[in-house]
């Protein structure tokens, strides 16, 4: 009897841990290989090889480099230790009509756990696919924390995964709002 209770308790704990892991994937961060946006800009930049940095806008910087493990391109927009945008190229061709290929990428990078999946495909300039996740806003003000792009017909077929720091953008917008409001009579 005690053995059954122990097995049940172990099963319950294991199930709860897995459920917690599923809930942890959110739009607030992105992990690929050794890169984890929760660790900050300095940690991500330290991992890059062959990197170049230039001013992006104001005090924000843009750094392009390579993942030392895969030699794939990584683009980071950052300010201080805050990552504003993180973009990673994956050397694989994913065809828009091949749902298994699309789902494989989504499952590998846990994109399938995100809500609000919006798919666009097209043929202008070659076959392409873009999937946006958990977008917010209207019209030109739409921003998506996670975007999956593929252009398999291109000469250098690859998948691009781009994460945007929605919270940093919200904080900047609030600061601009407060600044303007404080100047009003």
Protein backbone atom coordinates (compact mmCIF):
# COMPACT_ATOMS: atom_id res chain seq x y z
CA UNK A 1 0.00 0.00 0.00
CA UNK A 2 2.76 2.44 0.88
CA UNK A 3 4.57 1.62 -2.40
CA UNK A 4 1.45 2.60 -4.39
CA UNK A 5 1.19 5.87 -2.50
CA UNK A 6 4.87 6.62 -3.18
CA UNK A 7 4.45 5.85 -6.90
CA UNK A 8 1.33 8.04 -7.03
CA UNK A 9 3.16 10.91 -5.27
CA UNK A 10 6.16 10.59 -7.62
CA UNK A 11 3.83 10.58 -10.64
CA UNK A 12 2.01 13.65 -9.34
CA UNK A 13 5.28 15.54 -8.79
CA UNK A 14 6.62 14.55 -12.23
CA UNK A 15 3.36 15.59 -13.89
CA UNK A 16 3.37 18.93 -12.10
CA UNK A 17 6.97 19.62 -13.10
CA UNK A 18 6.16 18.94 -16.74
CA UNK A 19 3.07 21.14 -16.54
CA UNK A 20 5.18 23.90 -15.02
CA UNK A 21 7.75 23.59 -17.80
CA UNK A 22 5.02 24.01 -20.41
CA UNK A 23 3.72 27.11 -18.66
CA UNK A 24 7.22 28.61 -18.43
CA UNK A 25 7.59 29.11 -22.20
CA UNK A 26 6.33 32.57 -22.80
CA UNK A 27 6.87 35.51 -25.07
CA UNK A 28 9.04 37.12 -22.39
CA UNK A 29 12.22 35.29 -23.48
CA UNK A 30 13.81 33.15 -26.18
CA UNK A 31 16.37 30.35 -25.94
CA UNK A 32 18.33 28.86 -28.83
CA UNK A 33 21.52 26.87 -28.26
CA UNK A 34 23.61 28.65 -25.61
CA UNK A 35 21.74 31.94 -26.13
CA UNK A 36 19.10 32.84 -23.54
CA UNK A 37 17.64 36.35 -23.71
CA UNK A 38 16.90 36.24 -19.96
CA UNK A 39 20.65 36.42 -19.27
CA UNK A 40 20.92 39.88 -20.84
CA UNK A 41 22.82 41.52 -23.68
CA UNK A 42 26.31 41.13 -22.24
CA UNK A 43 25.96 37.35 -21.91
CA UNK A 44 24.61 37.04 -25.47
CA UNK A 45 27.27 39.33 -26.94
CA UNK A 46 30.04 37.42 -25.16
CA UNK A 47 28.98 34.24 -27.00
CA UNK A 48 29.29 35.76 -30.49
CA UNK A 49 32.27 35.41 -32.79
CA UNK A 50 33.06 37.53 -35.89
CA UNK A 51 30.93 40.33 -34.51
CA UNK A 52 30.46 43.89 -35.73
CA UNK A 53 28.59 46.57 -33.83
CA UNK A 54 27.10 49.86 -35.00
CA UNK A 55 24.61 52.42 -33.71
CA UNK A 56 21.04 51.30 -34.35
CA UNK A 57 19.00 54.23 -33.06
CA UNK A 58 19.73 56.71 -30.29
CA UNK A 59 21.57 54.78 -27.61
CA UNK A 60 20.56 51.37 -28.99
CA UNK A 61 23.26 49.30 -30.67
CA UNK A 62 23.08 46.62 -33.37
CA UNK A 63 25.50 43.70 -33.27
CA UNK A 64 25.78 41.00 -35.92
CA UNK A 65 27.88 37.94 -35.24
CA UNK A 66 28.04 34.19 -35.46
CA UNK A 67 27.02 31.45 -33.07
CA UNK A 68 30.36 29.72 -32.34
CA UNK A 69 28.65 26.30 -32.20
CA UNK A 70 26.76 26.47 -35.50
CA UNK A 71 28.37 29.39 -37.40
CA UNK A 72 24.85 30.74 -37.95
CA UNK A 73 24.16 34.48 -38.07
CA UNK A 74 22.85 36.18 -34.94
CA UNK A 75 21.59 39.79 -34.83
CA UNK A 76 21.04 41.57 -31.53
CA UNK A 77 19.63 45.05 -30.92
CA UNK A 78 20.58 46.07 -27.40
CA UNK A 79 20.98 48.96 -24.99
CA UNK A 80 22.91 48.58 -21.74
CA UNK A 81 22.19 44.99 -20.72
CA UNK A 82 18.71 44.95 -22.26
CA UNK A 83 18.11 42.97 -25.43
CA UNK A 84 15.48 44.72 -27.56
CA UNK A 85 15.53 42.22 -30.41
CA UNK A 86 17.28 38.89 -30.97
CA UNK A 87 17.38 37.23 -34.38
CA UNK A 88 18.85 33.80 -35.14
CA UNK A 89 19.29 32.07 -38.51
CA UNK A 90 18.85 28.31 -38.69
CA UNK A 91 20.41 26.58 -41.72
CA UNK A 92 17.43 24.55 -42.83
CA UNK A 93 14.88 25.01 -45.60
CA UNK A 94 11.27 24.82 -44.41
CA UNK A 95 8.65 24.76 -47.15
CA UNK A 96 5.35 26.56 -46.35
CA UNK A 97 3.23 23.66 -47.59
CA UNK A 98 5.12 21.06 -45.53
CA UNK A 99 3.36 21.12 -42.17
CA UNK A 100 5.73 18.52 -40.67
CA UNK A 101 8.75 20.76 -41.33
CA UNK A 102 6.97 23.80 -39.91
CA UNK A 103 5.85 21.92 -36.78
CA UNK A 104 9.34 20.49 -36.27
CA UNK A 105 10.78 24.01 -36.00
CA UNK A 106 7.90 25.18 -33.81
CA UNK A 107 8.28 22.22 -31.46
CA UNK A 108 12.10 22.42 -31.27
CA UNK A 109 12.03 26.09 -30.21
CA UNK A 110 8.79 25.74 -28.22
CA UNK A 111 6.94 28.16 -30.49
CA UNK A 112 3.97 25.79 -30.45
CA UNK A 113 3.44 26.78 -26.80
CA UNK A 114 2.83 30.40 -27.74
CA UNK A 115 -0.68 31.66 -28.44
CA UNK A 116 -2.05 33.63 -31.35
CA UNK A 117 -0.36 31.85 -34.26
CA UNK A 118 -0.87 33.85 -37.49
CA UNK A 119 0.43 32.34 -40.76
CA UNK A 120 1.21 34.20 -43.98
CA UNK A 121 2.62 32.70 -47.17
CA UNK A 122 3.43 34.15 -50.56
CA UNK A 123 5.19 33.75 -53.85
CA UNK A 124 6.42 37.27 -54.63
CA UNK A 125 10.19 37.04 -55.00
CA UNK A 126 10.05 33.30 -54.30
CA UNK A 127 8.08 31.11 -51.94
CA UNK A 128 8.08 32.43 -48.37
CA UNK A 129 6.45 31.75 -45.03
CA UNK A 130 6.03 33.96 -41.97
CA UNK A 131 4.38 32.94 -38.71
CA UNK A 132 3.76 35.58 -36.06
CA UNK A 133 2.99 34.68 -32.45
CA UNK A 134 1.09 36.62 -29.76
CA UNK A 135 1.00 39.88 -31.71
CA UNK A 136 -0.61 42.94 -30.23
CA UNK A 137 -1.64 46.30 -31.59
CA UNK A 138 -3.52 47.43 -34.67
CA UNK A 139 -2.50 48.47 -38.19
CA UNK A 140 1.07 49.72 -38.45
CA UNK A 141 1.44 49.53 -34.67
CA UNK A 142 1.33 45.72 -34.59
CA UNK A 143 4.28 44.18 -32.78
CA UNK A 144 4.98 40.48 -32.43
CA UNK A 145 7.23 39.06 -29.72
CA UNK A 146 8.12 36.04 -31.87
CA UNK A 147 8.38 35.68 -35.65
CA UNK A 148 9.34 32.58 -37.64
CA UNK A 149 10.35 33.30 -41.26
CA UNK A 150 11.39 30.92 -44.01
CA UNK A 151 12.33 31.58 -47.62
CA UNK A 152 13.15 28.10 -48.98
CA UNK A 153 13.36 29.25 -52.59
CA UNK A 154 16.19 31.66 -51.82
CA UNK A 155 19.79 30.93 -52.77
CA UNK A 156 20.72 30.54 -49.08
CA UNK A 157 17.64 28.77 -47.76
CA UNK A 158 17.25 29.20 -44.04
CA UNK A 159 14.81 29.82 -41.23
CA UNK A 160 15.00 33.05 -39.27
CA UNK A 161 13.63 33.26 -35.72
CA UNK A 162 13.22 36.77 -34.31
CA UNK A 163 12.29 37.59 -30.72
CA UNK A 164 11.27 41.11 -29.68
CA UNK A 165 11.32 42.33 -26.07
CA UNK A 166 7.73 43.51 -25.68
CA UNK A 167 8.22 44.58 -22.06
CA UNK A 168 11.16 46.86 -22.93
CA UNK A 169 9.08 48.42 -25.71
CA UNK A 170 6.16 48.97 -23.33
CA UNK A 171 8.45 50.59 -20.74
CA UNK A 172 9.92 52.92 -23.36
CA UNK A 173 6.44 53.84 -24.59
CA UNK A 174 5.31 54.58 -21.03
CA UNK A 175 8.39 56.75 -20.46
CA UNK A 176 7.71 58.71 -23.69
CA UNK A 177 4.05 59.10 -22.71
CA UNK A 178 4.95 60.33 -19.20
CA UNK A 179 7.55 62.74 -20.61
CA UNK A 180 5.13 64.31 -23.06
CA UNK A 181 2.32 64.45 -20.49
CA UNK A 182 4.57 66.12 -17.94
CA UNK A 183 5.37 68.93 -20.40
CA UNK A 184 1.73 69.75 -21.01
CA UNK A 185 0.20 72.74 -19.16
